[in-house]
Amino acid sequence: EPQERPAGVDVLICPTAPTPPPSI
């Protein structure tokens, strides 16, 4: 049976893209 990891996180939060959208 899987065990709890005390130091683990539930989800990660980060940017989707490194910059705003460039011009075409």
PDB file of all heavy atoms in Angstrom:
ATOM      1  N   GLU A   1       0.838  -1.195   0.000  1.00  0.00           N
ATOM      2  CA  GLU A   1       0.000   0.000   0.000  1.00  0.00           C
ATOM      3  C   GLU A   1       0.868   1.238   0.000  1.00  0.00           C
ATOM      4  O   GLU A   1       1.809   1.356   0.788  1.00  0.00           O
ATOM      5  CB  GLU A   1      -0.890  -0.017   1.233  1.00  0.00           C
ATOM      6  CG  GLU A   1      -1.864   1.135   1.304  1.00  0.00           C
ATOM      7  CD  GLU A   1      -2.764   1.022   2.501  1.00  0.00           C
ATOM      8  OE1 GLU A   1      -3.695   0.203   2.474  1.00  0.00           O
ATOM      9  OE2 GLU A   1      -2.520   1.758   3.485  1.00  0.00           O
ATOM     10  N   PRO A   2       0.570   2.234  -0.883  1.00  0.00           N
ATOM     11  CA  PRO A   2       1.364   3.463  -0.913  1.00  0.00           C
ATOM     12  C   PRO A   2       1.347   4.161   0.440  1.00  0.00           C
ATOM     13  O   PRO A   2       0.337   4.160   1.146  1.00  0.00           O
ATOM     14  CB  PRO A   2       0.665   4.308  -1.984  1.00  0.00           C
ATOM     15  CG  PRO A   2      -0.085   3.316  -2.821  1.00  0.00           C
ATOM     16  CD  PRO A   2      -0.478   2.216  -1.890  1.00  0.00           C
ATOM     17  N   GLN A   3       2.456   4.741   0.807  1.00  0.00           N
ATOM     18  CA  GLN A   3       2.582   5.422   2.085  1.00  0.00           C
ATOM     19  C   GLN A   3       2.688   6.935   1.863  1.00  0.00           C
ATOM     20  O   GLN A   3       3.087   7.394   0.808  1.00  0.00           O
ATOM     21  CB  GLN A   3       3.836   4.928   2.827  1.00  0.00           C
ATOM     22  CG  GLN A   3       3.816   3.439   3.101  1.00  0.00           C
ATOM     23  CD  GLN A   3       2.692   3.026   4.018  1.00  0.00           C
ATOM     24  OE1 GLN A   3       2.425   3.670   5.030  1.00  0.00           O
ATOM     25  NE2 GLN A   3       2.002   1.938   3.659  1.00  0.00           N
ATOM     26  N   GLU A   4       2.303   7.685   2.895  1.00  0.00           N
ATOM     27  CA  GLU A   4       2.397   9.136   2.804  1.00  0.00           C
ATOM     28  C   GLU A   4       3.859   9.565   2.837  1.00  0.00           C
ATOM     29  O   GLU A   4       4.677   9.003   3.569  1.00  0.00           O
ATOM     30  CB  GLU A   4       1.646   9.792   3.957  1.00  0.00           C
ATOM     31  CG  GLU A   4       1.702  11.307   3.909  1.00  0.00           C
ATOM     32  CD  GLU A   4       0.838  11.946   4.976  1.00  0.00           C
ATOM     33  OE1 GLU A   4       0.321  11.212   5.839  1.00  0.00           O
ATOM     34  OE2 GLU A   4       0.684  13.169   4.927  1.00  0.00           O
ATOM     35  N   ARG A   5       4.162  10.591   2.056  1.00  0.00           N
ATOM     36  CA  ARG A   5       5.501  11.172   2.053  1.00  0.00           C
ATOM     37  C   ARG A   5       5.427  12.501   2.792  1.00  0.00           C
ATOM     38  O   ARG A   5       4.918  13.489   2.251  1.00  0.00           O
ATOM     39  CB  ARG A   5       5.988  11.382   0.625  1.00  0.00           C
ATOM     40  CG  ARG A   5       6.083  10.089  -0.183  1.00  0.00           C
ATOM     41  CD  ARG A   5       6.480  10.396  -1.603  1.00  0.00           C
ATOM     42  NE  ARG A   5       6.630   9.191  -2.388  1.00  0.00           N
ATOM     43  CZ  ARG A   5       7.041   9.187  -3.655  1.00  0.00           C
ATOM     44  NH1 ARG A   5       7.339  10.314  -4.255  1.00  0.00           N
ATOM     45  NH2 ARG A   5       7.155   8.047  -4.308  1.00  0.00           N
ATOM     46  N   PRO A   6       5.929  12.583   3.998  1.00  0.00           N
ATOM     47  CA  PRO A   6       5.778  13.801   4.802  1.00  0.00           C
ATOM     48  C   PRO A   6       6.333  15.045   4.124  1.00  0.00           C
ATOM     49  O   PRO A   6       5.816  16.142   4.333  1.00  0.00           O
ATOM     50  CB  PRO A   6       6.546  13.463   6.090  1.00  0.00           C
ATOM     51  CG  PRO A   6       6.548  11.966   6.147  1.00  0.00           C
ATOM     52  CD  PRO A   6       6.603  11.502   4.729  1.00  0.00           C
ATOM     53  N   ALA A   7       7.385  14.881   3.332  1.00  0.00           N
ATOM     54  CA  ALA A   7       8.011  16.051   2.719  1.00  0.00           C
ATOM     55  C   ALA A   7       7.444  16.366   1.340  1.00  0.00           C
ATOM     56  O   ALA A   7       7.834  17.344   0.717  1.00  0.00           O
ATOM     57  CB  ALA A   7       9.527  15.834   2.605  1.00  0.00           C
ATOM     58  N   GLY A   8       6.521  15.558   0.849  1.00  0.00           N
ATOM     59  CA  GLY A   8       6.018  15.730  -0.506  1.00  0.00           C
ATOM     60  C   GLY A   8       4.981  16.840  -0.623  1.00  0.00           C
ATOM     61  O   GLY A   8       4.392  17.291   0.360  1.00  0.00           O
ATOM     62  N   VAL A   9       4.766  17.292  -1.875  1.00  0.00           N
ATOM     63  CA  VAL A   9       3.777  18.333  -2.144  1.00  0.00           C
ATOM     64  C   VAL A   9       2.617  17.723  -2.925  1.00  0.00           C
ATOM     65  O   VAL A   9       2.734  16.648  -3.514  1.00  0.00           O
ATOM     66  CB  VAL A   9       4.399  19.509  -2.922  1.00  0.00           C
ATOM     67  CG1 VAL A   9       5.509  20.154  -2.112  1.00  0.00           C
ATOM     68  CG2 VAL A   9       4.913  19.058  -4.286  1.00  0.00           C
ATOM     69  N   ASP A  10       1.492  18.427  -2.937  1.00  0.00           N
ATOM     70  CA  ASP A  10       0.304  17.926  -3.625  1.00  0.00           C
ATOM     71  C   ASP A  10       0.287  18.323  -5.100  1.00  0.00           C
ATOM     72  O   ASP A  10      -0.076  17.523  -5.959  1.00  0.00           O
ATOM     73  CB  ASP A  10      -0.951  18.439  -2.926  1.00  0.00           C
ATOM     74  CG  ASP A  10      -1.074  17.895  -1.514  1.00  0.00           C
ATOM     75  OD1 ASP A  10      -1.055  16.662  -1.357  1.00  0.00           O
ATOM     76  OD2 ASP A  10      -1.159  18.699  -0.570  1.00  0.00           O
ATOM     77  N   VAL A  11       0.626  19.565  -5.380  1.00  0.00           N
ATOM     78  CA  VAL A  11       0.693  20.049  -6.756  1.00  0.00           C
ATOM     79  C   VAL A  11       1.857  21.021  -6.884  1.00  0.00           C
ATOM     80  O   VAL A  11       2.399  21.497  -5.879  1.00  0.00           O
ATOM     81  CB  VAL A  11      -0.613  20.769  -7.190  1.00  0.00           C
ATOM     82  CG1 VAL A  11      -1.788  19.806  -7.228  1.00  0.00           C
ATOM     83  CG2 VAL A  11      -0.911  21.961  -6.298  1.00  0.00           C
ATOM     84  N   LEU A  12       2.209  21.313  -8.127  1.00  0.00           N
ATOM     85  CA  LEU A  12       3.241  22.302  -8.422  1.00  0.00           C
ATOM     86  C   LEU A  12       2.604  23.512  -9.090  1.00  0.00           C
ATOM     87  O   LEU A  12       1.670  23.373  -9.883  1.00  0.00           O
ATOM     88  CB  LEU A  12       4.307  21.709  -9.347  1.00  0.00           C
ATOM     89  CG  LEU A  12       5.043  20.462  -8.850  1.00  0.00           C
ATOM     90  CD1 LEU A  12       5.942  19.907  -9.950  1.00  0.00           C
ATOM     91  CD2 LEU A  12       5.861  20.776  -7.607  1.00  0.00           C
ATOM     92  N   ILE A  13       3.121  24.691  -8.784  1.00  0.00           N
ATOM     93  CA  ILE A  13       2.655  25.936  -9.386  1.00  0.00           C
ATOM     94  C   ILE A  13       3.828  26.599 -10.088  1.00  0.00           C
ATOM     95  O   ILE A  13       4.889  26.804  -9.495  1.00  0.00           O
ATOM     96  CB  ILE A  13       2.097  26.906  -8.310  1.00  0.00           C
ATOM     97  CG1 ILE A  13       0.934  26.267  -7.574  1.00  0.00           C
ATOM     98  CG2 ILE A  13       1.687  28.226  -8.951  1.00  0.00           C
ATOM     99  CD1 ILE A  13      -0.290  26.049  -8.418  1.00  0.00           C
ATOM    100  N   CYS A  14       3.645  26.927 -11.370  1.00  0.00           N
ATOM    101  CA  CYS A  14       4.721  27.553 -12.130  1.00  0.00           C
ATOM    102  C   CYS A  14       4.125  28.308 -13.306  1.00  0.00           C
ATOM    103  O   CYS A  14       2.944  28.125 -13.643  1.00  0.00           O
ATOM    104  CB  CYS A  14       5.727  26.496 -12.614  1.00  0.00           C
ATOM    105  SG  CYS A  14       5.003  25.273 -13.726  1.00  0.00           S
ATOM    106  N   PRO A  15       4.895  29.151 -13.975  1.00  0.00           N
ATOM    107  CA  PRO A  15       4.376  29.824 -15.175  1.00  0.00           C
ATOM    108  C   PRO A  15       4.114  28.817 -16.292  1.00  0.00           C
ATOM    109  O   PRO A  15       4.714  27.742 -16.342  1.00  0.00           O
ATOM    110  CB  PRO A  15       5.499  30.791 -15.555  1.00  0.00           C
ATOM    111  CG  PRO A  15       6.328  30.946 -14.322  1.00  0.00           C
ATOM    112  CD  PRO A  15       6.229  29.626 -13.609  1.00  0.00           C
ATOM    113  N   THR A  16       3.212  29.177 -17.203  1.00  0.00           N
ATOM    114  CA  THR A  16       2.969  28.352 -18.379  1.00  0.00           C
ATOM    115  C   THR A  16       3.958  28.678 -19.480  1.00  0.00           C
ATOM    116  O   THR A  16       4.466  27.784 -20.167  1.00  0.00           O
ATOM    117  CB  THR A  16       1.537  28.567 -18.901  1.00  0.00           C
ATOM    118  OG1 THR A  16       0.611  28.353 -17.833  1.00  0.00           O
ATOM    119  CG2 THR A  16       1.224  27.607 -20.036  1.00  0.00           C
ATOM    120  N   ALA A  17       4.254  29.952 -19.669  1.00  0.00           N
ATOM    121  CA  ALA A  17       5.199  30.404 -20.697  1.00  0.00           C
ATOM    122  C   ALA A  17       6.152  31.404 -20.066  1.00  0.00           C
ATOM    123  O   ALA A  17       5.768  32.144 -19.148  1.00  0.00           O
ATOM    124  CB  ALA A  17       4.457  31.043 -21.865  1.00  0.00           C
ATOM    125  N   PRO A  18       7.391  31.477 -20.546  1.00  0.00           N
ATOM    126  CA  PRO A  18       8.362  32.377 -19.929  1.00  0.00           C
ATOM    127  C   PRO A  18       8.144  33.849 -20.249  1.00  0.00           C
ATOM    128  O   PRO A  18       8.657  34.713 -19.545  1.00  0.00           O
ATOM    129  CB  PRO A  18       9.702  31.891 -20.497  1.00  0.00           C
ATOM    130  CG  PRO A  18       9.340  31.211 -21.781  1.00  0.00           C
ATOM    131  CD  PRO A  18       7.992  30.607 -21.567  1.00  0.00           C
ATOM    132  N   THR A  19       7.383  34.148 -21.311  1.00  0.00           N
ATOM    133  CA  THR A  19       7.170  35.531 -21.728  1.00  0.00           C
ATOM    134  C   THR A  19       5.718  35.732 -22.133  1.00  0.00           C
ATOM    135  O   THR A  19       5.004  34.760 -22.412  1.00  0.00           O
ATOM    136  CB  THR A  19       8.062  35.890 -22.936  1.00  0.00           C
ATOM    137  OG1 THR A  19       7.663  35.089 -24.064  1.00  0.00           O
ATOM    138  CG2 THR A  19       9.539  35.649 -22.627  1.00  0.00           C
ATOM    139  N   PRO A  20       5.257  36.977 -22.199  1.00  0.00           N
ATOM    140  CA  PRO A  20       3.946  37.243 -22.799  1.00  0.00           C
ATOM    141  C   PRO A  20       3.985  36.895 -24.287  1.00  0.00           C
ATOM    142  O   PRO A  20       5.052  36.671 -24.863  1.00  0.00           O
ATOM    143  CB  PRO A  20       3.767  38.763 -22.595  1.00  0.00           C
ATOM    144  CG  PRO A  20       4.723  39.121 -21.499  1.00  0.00           C
ATOM    145  CD  PRO A  20       5.883  38.190 -21.647  1.00  0.00           C
ATOM    146  N   PRO A  21       2.821  36.824 -24.953  1.00  0.00           N
ATOM    147  CA  PRO A  21       2.805  36.443 -26.366  1.00  0.00           C
ATOM    148  C   PRO A  21       3.563  37.431 -27.244  1.00  0.00           C
ATOM    149  O   PRO A  21       3.357  38.647 -27.127  1.00  0.00           O
ATOM    150  CB  PRO A  21       1.311  36.418 -26.717  1.00  0.00           C
ATOM    151  CG  PRO A  21       0.638  37.202 -25.649  1.00  0.00           C
ATOM    152  CD  PRO A  21       1.464  37.032 -24.427  1.00  0.00           C
ATOM    153  N   PRO A  22       4.441  36.934 -28.125  1.00  0.00           N
ATOM    154  CA  PRO A  22       5.148  37.825 -29.051  1.00  0.00           C
ATOM    155  C   PRO A  22       4.239  38.227 -30.214  1.00  0.00           C
ATOM    156  O   PRO A  22       3.160  37.650 -30.410  1.00  0.00           O
ATOM    157  CB  PRO A  22       6.304  36.952 -29.540  1.00  0.00           C
ATOM    158  CG  PRO A  22       5.753  35.561 -29.476  1.00  0.00           C
ATOM    159  CD  PRO A  22       4.832  35.530 -28.285  1.00  0.00           C
ATOM    160  N   SER A  23       4.660  39.209 -30.988  1.00  0.00           N
ATOM    161  CA  SER A  23       3.896  39.601 -32.169  1.00  0.00           C
ATOM    162  C   SER A  23       4.072  38.552 -33.266  1.00  0.00           C
ATOM    163  O   SER A  23       5.114  37.886 -33.346  1.00  0.00           O
ATOM    164  CB  SER A  23       4.364  40.960 -32.692  1.00  0.00           C
ATOM    165  OG  SER A  23       5.672  40.865 -33.235  1.00  0.00           O
ATOM    166  N   ILE A  24       3.060  38.394 -34.103  1.00  0.00           N
ATOM    167  CA  ILE A  24       3.166  37.451 -35.216  1.00  0.00           C
ATOM    168  C   ILE A  24       4.256  37.899 -36.176  1.00  0.00           C
ATOM    169  O   ILE A  24       4.981  37.074 -36.747  1.00  0.00           O
ATOM    170  CB  ILE A  24       1.808  37.319 -35.931  1.00  0.00           C
ATOM    171  CG1 ILE A  24       0.825  36.561 -35.036  1.00  0.00           C
ATOM    172  CG2 ILE A  24       1.955  36.608 -37.270  1.00  0.00           C
ATOM    173  CD1 ILE A  24      -0.527  36.342 -35.646  1.00  0.00           C
TER     174      ILE A  24
END
